[in-house]
Amino acid sequence: MSNFCIVVSNRLIRLIGNIFKMLSYPFHFLFPKKRFVIPSLSRPKIKSSQKSSIPKIIWQTNFSAKSALPVYLNYLFNRLMSLEYEYRYVSTEERAEFIKQNAPENVYNAYMQLNDGAAQADLWRLVTIHKVGGIYMDIDATLVWPLKKILSSSESAMYVKLKKNDHYTNFFLASAPNNPDYEIAINKIVSNIENRNIEKGVYFLTGPMVITNVLENKNVFYKERKYVCIQGTFTNEHFQYLDKPRSKWTHKKPEDLLKKV
């Protein structure tokens, strides 16, 4: 399918998502306590014979599985776009336990030094995909095309690039297990934490600039963001952090990112 069709789909999804987002304001005004639970496990809805180097598992995490309506609608939409895939939601507590059980001690110790949930999720996603493989998406990311058509069956990894600054993003990751780029990125994050390289904030400490620096001058398979997934379509910061206002990583001061020594 041509990229033109994907861009059209992108625009239509933005329109639909924004309509639902606007309708969610009166909904939560009328029902301020209403929350929707994202399941910890959702099995594939369709059996697929298509082989893939990248395991057909979608990973997501957030500070709580109890979500506002727009976040839940975003989850449902992504499930429609990935019916052949298993879905796994991982809680804050489960993230720490997974790293403890599946990563070297220095990685776990570094993870436990992080005060910010987004920074914790940055490290956890790399450890998880490196260990198990699959696809990670931020909780506010929305697929613009069926996932099986986005990913190449022959590639063992796919990266997403932001056209505006040529950086790679980590809000969408897809890889087979044991990706050496991920191992390097994990070790760079651990080094950043151990050396308290917090001056430039989460974006450089654990976020997209880590994977961008790892992939610099490497020939890797990637797609531009507009052909893969977009953010803020169904939801926004208000709804994502409805129960924890101003908890987004952008509000964190650099000196508060790590536990005091």
Protein backbone atom coordinates (compact mmCIF):
# COMPACT_ATOMS: atom_id res chain seq x y z
CA MET A 1 0.00 0.00 0.00
CA SER A 2 1.36 3.42 -0.89
CA ASN A 3 2.56 5.88 1.71
CA PHE A 4 -0.11 8.27 0.45
CA CYS A 5 -2.85 5.94 1.73
CA ILE A 6 -1.12 5.68 5.12
CA VAL A 7 -0.89 9.48 5.39
CA VAL A 8 -4.61 9.76 4.58
CA SER A 9 -5.32 7.17 7.26
CA ASN A 10 -3.12 9.16 9.64
CA ARG A 11 -5.18 12.32 9.05
CA LEU A 12 -8.52 10.52 9.42
CA ILE A 13 -7.42 8.87 12.67
CA ARG A 14 -6.33 12.24 14.03
CA LEU A 15 -9.74 13.66 13.20
CA ILE A 16 -11.63 10.76 14.79
CA GLY A 17 -9.37 10.77 17.85
CA ASN A 18 -9.77 14.49 18.39
CA ILE A 19 -13.56 14.18 18.21
CA PHE A 20 -13.55 11.51 20.92
CA LYS A 21 -11.05 13.54 22.94
CA MET A 22 -13.33 16.59 22.93
CA LEU A 23 -16.34 14.46 23.88
CA SER A 24 -14.36 13.06 26.82
CA TYR A 25 -14.28 16.45 28.57
CA PRO A 26 -18.07 16.53 29.24
CA PHE A 27 -18.02 12.78 29.97
CA HIS A 28 -15.49 13.14 32.79
CA PHE A 29 -17.20 16.29 34.00
CA LEU A 30 -20.41 14.27 34.46
CA PHE A 31 -18.61 11.16 35.72
CA PRO A 32 -15.44 12.42 37.43
CA LYS A 33 -14.66 9.13 39.21
CA LYS A 34 -15.26 6.82 36.26
CA ARG A 35 -12.20 4.86 35.14
CA PHE A 36 -11.65 2.03 32.64
CA VAL A 37 -9.28 -0.86 33.31
CA ILE A 38 -6.73 -1.84 30.69
CA PRO A 39 -6.22 -5.63 30.90
CA SER A 40 -2.85 -7.01 31.93
CA LEU A 41 -3.14 -9.61 29.16
CA SER A 42 -5.14 -9.73 25.94
CA ARG A 43 -4.64 -12.78 23.74
CA PRO A 44 -4.52 -12.49 19.93
CA LYS A 45 -8.01 -12.20 18.47
CA ILE A 46 -7.03 -13.65 15.11
CA LYS A 47 -4.66 -16.53 14.43
CA SER A 48 -2.07 -15.62 11.86
CA SER A 49 0.18 -17.89 9.82
CA GLN A 50 2.44 -15.00 8.85
CA LYS A 51 5.92 -15.53 10.22
CA SER A 52 7.76 -12.67 11.85
CA SER A 53 11.26 -12.24 13.24
CA ILE A 54 9.81 -9.81 15.77
CA PRO A 55 7.62 -11.59 18.38
CA LYS A 56 3.95 -10.68 18.10
CA ILE A 57 3.69 -9.13 21.54
CA ILE A 58 2.74 -5.53 22.32
CA TRP A 59 4.06 -4.09 25.58
CA GLN A 60 2.68 -1.04 27.37
CA THR A 61 2.94 0.49 30.81
CA ASN A 62 1.65 3.49 32.76
CA PHE A 63 1.40 4.57 36.39
CA SER A 64 -2.01 2.83 36.62
CA ALA A 65 -4.11 0.43 34.53
CA LYS A 66 -7.19 2.42 35.62
CA SER A 67 -7.46 4.96 32.86
CA ALA A 68 -9.57 7.88 31.71
CA LEU A 69 -11.91 7.29 28.77
CA PRO A 70 -9.60 8.67 26.03
CA VAL A 71 -6.68 6.47 27.13
CA TYR A 72 -8.95 3.42 27.11
CA LEU A 73 -10.33 4.32 23.67
CA ASN A 74 -6.77 4.62 22.43
CA TYR A 75 -6.06 1.13 23.79
CA LEU A 76 -9.15 -0.27 22.05
CA PHE A 77 -8.24 1.36 18.75
CA ASN A 78 -4.72 -0.08 18.87
CA ARG A 79 -6.15 -3.53 19.58
CA LEU A 80 -8.27 -3.23 16.43
CA MET A 81 -5.09 -2.45 14.52
CA SER A 82 -3.22 -5.42 16.00
CA LEU A 83 -5.67 -8.32 16.22
CA GLU A 84 -2.96 -10.91 15.47
CA TYR A 85 -0.84 -9.74 18.40
CA GLU A 86 -0.80 -10.52 22.09
CA TYR A 87 -1.09 -7.49 24.36
CA ARG A 88 0.60 -7.14 27.75
CA TYR A 89 0.18 -4.26 30.19
CA VAL A 90 2.85 -4.06 32.90
CA SER A 91 2.37 -2.19 36.17
CA THR A 92 4.96 -0.05 37.95
CA GLU A 93 5.63 -2.82 40.48
CA GLU A 94 5.93 -5.46 37.77
CA ARG A 95 8.46 -3.35 35.87
CA ALA A 96 10.88 -3.37 38.78
CA GLU A 97 10.40 -7.09 39.39
CA PHE A 98 10.96 -7.91 35.71
CA ILE A 99 14.26 -6.03 35.66
CA LYS A 100 15.32 -7.63 38.92
CA GLN A 101 14.69 -11.10 37.49
CA ASN A 102 15.95 -10.56 33.95
CA ALA A 103 18.75 -8.00 33.97
CA PRO A 104 22.22 -7.74 35.52
CA GLU A 105 22.41 -6.38 39.06
CA ASN A 106 23.92 -3.06 37.97
CA VAL A 107 20.94 -2.47 35.64
CA TYR A 108 18.48 -3.16 38.43
CA ASN A 109 20.40 -0.93 40.85
CA ALA A 110 20.40 1.88 38.27
CA TYR A 111 16.67 1.44 37.69
CA MET A 112 15.99 1.73 41.41
CA GLN A 113 17.81 5.08 41.47
CA LEU A 114 15.24 6.62 39.11
CA ASN A 115 12.57 8.85 40.66
CA ASP A 116 10.61 9.53 37.47
CA GLY A 117 8.08 7.04 36.10
CA ALA A 118 8.79 7.91 32.46
CA ALA A 119 12.53 7.43 32.98
CA GLN A 120 11.85 4.08 34.65
CA ALA A 121 9.70 3.08 31.66
CA ASP A 122 12.50 4.14 29.29
CA LEU A 123 14.90 1.64 30.83
CA TRP A 124 12.29 -1.07 31.38
CA ARG A 125 11.16 -1.07 27.73
CA LEU A 126 14.68 -1.62 26.46
CA VAL A 127 15.32 -4.43 28.95
CA THR A 128 11.99 -6.07 28.07
CA ILE A 129 12.38 -5.94 24.30
CA HIS A 130 16.02 -7.03 24.57
CA LYS A 131 15.04 -10.01 26.73
CA VAL A 132 11.69 -11.09 25.23
CA GLY A 133 11.29 -9.10 22.02
CA GLY A 134 8.12 -7.59 20.61
CA ILE A 135 6.72 -4.10 20.19
CA TYR A 136 6.65 -1.33 22.77
CA MET A 137 4.33 1.67 22.41
CA ASP A 138 3.75 4.59 24.76
CA ILE A 139 0.29 4.59 26.31
CA ASP A 140 -0.69 7.63 24.19
CA ALA A 141 0.68 6.26 20.91
CA THR A 142 -1.84 5.43 18.17
CA LEU A 143 -1.14 3.14 15.23
CA VAL A 144 -1.96 4.68 11.85
CA TRP A 145 -1.99 1.39 9.92
CA PRO A 146 -2.45 -2.31 10.83
CA LEU A 147 0.63 -3.37 12.75
CA LYS A 148 1.29 -6.49 10.67
CA LYS A 149 1.56 -4.27 7.58
CA ILE A 150 3.84 -1.76 9.30
CA LEU A 151 6.43 -4.33 10.31
CA SER A 152 8.52 -6.24 7.81
CA SER A 153 8.41 -10.01 8.29
CA SER A 154 12.08 -10.29 7.32
CA GLU A 155 13.55 -7.52 9.51
CA SER A 156 14.62 -8.33 13.07
CA ALA A 157 14.20 -4.71 14.21
CA MET A 158 12.50 -1.51 13.14
CA TYR A 159 13.15 1.99 14.41
CA VAL A 160 11.04 5.13 14.11
CA LYS A 161 12.55 8.47 13.19
CA LEU A 162 11.22 11.97 13.82
CA LYS A 163 11.52 13.91 10.59
CA LYS A 164 11.70 17.34 12.23
CA ASN A 165 15.07 16.77 13.94
CA ASP A 166 16.24 13.44 12.49
CA HIS A 167 16.22 11.86 15.95
CA TYR A 168 15.04 8.33 16.58
CA THR A 169 12.20 7.92 19.04
CA ASN A 170 11.67 5.40 21.79
CA PHE A 171 7.87 5.79 22.03
CA PHE A 172 7.67 2.96 19.48
CA LEU A 173 10.19 0.12 19.55
CA ALA A 174 10.09 -3.18 17.66
CA SER A 175 12.76 -5.86 17.78
CA ALA A 176 13.61 -9.50 18.10
CA PRO A 177 15.31 -10.47 21.40
CA ASN A 178 19.04 -9.97 21.95
CA ASN A 179 19.34 -6.85 19.81
CA PRO A 180 22.94 -5.60 20.31
CA ASP A 181 21.83 -1.97 19.82
CA TYR A 182 19.49 -2.35 22.78
CA GLU A 183 22.25 -3.81 24.94
CA ILE A 184 24.45 -0.81 24.16
CA ALA A 185 21.56 1.57 24.91
CA ILE A 186 20.86 -0.14 28.25
CA ASN A 187 24.50 0.16 29.26
CA LYS A 188 24.56 3.84 28.24
CA ILE A 189 21.52 4.55 30.42
CA VAL A 190 23.14 2.74 33.34
CA SER A 191 26.29 4.79 32.83
CA ASN A 192 24.26 8.01 32.69
CA ILE A 193 22.56 7.14 35.97
CA GLU A 194 25.74 6.04 37.72
CA ASN A 195 27.48 9.25 36.63
CA ARG A 196 24.37 11.34 37.39
CA ASN A 197 24.24 12.91 33.94
CA ILE A 198 21.00 14.68 34.72
CA GLU A 199 21.68 18.21 33.48
CA LYS A 200 19.77 17.80 30.20
CA GLY A 201 16.81 15.99 31.72
CA VAL A 202 15.02 12.73 30.92
CA TYR A 203 15.32 13.16 27.15
CA PHE A 204 19.09 12.64 27.38
CA LEU A 205 19.34 10.60 30.61
CA THR A 206 17.15 7.67 29.58
CA GLY A 207 15.06 8.89 26.64
CA PRO A 208 15.24 9.13 22.84
CA MET A 209 18.70 10.69 22.67
CA VAL A 210 20.20 7.49 24.06
CA ILE A 211 18.95 5.33 21.19
CA THR A 212 19.67 8.17 18.73
CA ASN A 213 23.31 8.28 19.82
CA VAL A 214 23.59 4.48 19.67
CA LEU A 215 22.27 4.38 16.11
CA GLU A 216 24.32 7.33 14.85
CA ASN A 217 26.03 6.44 11.55
CA LYS A 218 24.48 2.95 11.59
CA ASN A 219 22.52 1.58 8.67
CA VAL A 220 19.28 0.39 10.28
CA PHE A 221 15.75 -0.29 9.07
CA TYR A 222 13.49 2.60 10.04
CA LYS A 223 10.30 4.42 9.08
CA GLU A 224 9.18 7.96 9.67
CA ARG A 225 6.76 8.44 12.54
CA LYS A 226 3.85 9.50 10.31
CA TYR A 227 3.85 6.06 8.68
CA VAL A 228 3.85 4.16 11.97
CA CYS A 229 2.12 5.79 14.92
CA ILE A 230 1.29 9.20 16.30
CA GLN A 231 0.86 10.62 19.80
CA GLY A 232 -1.89 12.66 21.41
CA THR A 233 -4.60 11.57 18.99
CA PHE A 234 -7.20 10.21 21.40
CA THR A 235 -5.68 11.54 24.59
CA ASN A 236 -3.49 14.28 26.02
CA GLU A 237 -1.57 15.11 29.19
CA HIS A 238 -4.76 16.13 31.03
CA PHE A 239 -6.43 12.76 30.51
CA GLN A 240 -3.30 10.63 30.75
CA TYR A 241 -2.48 12.12 34.16
CA LEU A 242 -6.03 12.77 35.31
CA ASP A 243 -5.29 11.20 38.71
CA LYS A 244 -1.71 12.54 38.94
CA PRO A 245 -1.68 16.12 37.61
CA ARG A 246 1.69 17.50 36.47
CA SER A 247 3.30 14.07 36.68
CA LYS A 248 4.55 14.06 33.10
CA TRP A 249 8.32 13.89 32.69
CA THR A 250 8.38 17.38 31.17
CA HIS A 251 7.54 18.83 34.60
CA LYS A 252 10.43 17.12 36.37
CA LYS A 253 13.43 19.18 37.39
CA PRO A 254 16.76 17.52 36.51
CA GLU A 255 17.83 17.46 40.17
CA ASP A 256 14.73 15.41 41.03
CA LEU A 257 15.28 12.63 38.49
CA LEU A 258 17.50 10.48 40.71
CA LYS A 259 17.33 9.55 44.36
CA LYS A 260 19.56 11.58 46.62
CA VAL A 261 22.92 10.06 47.51
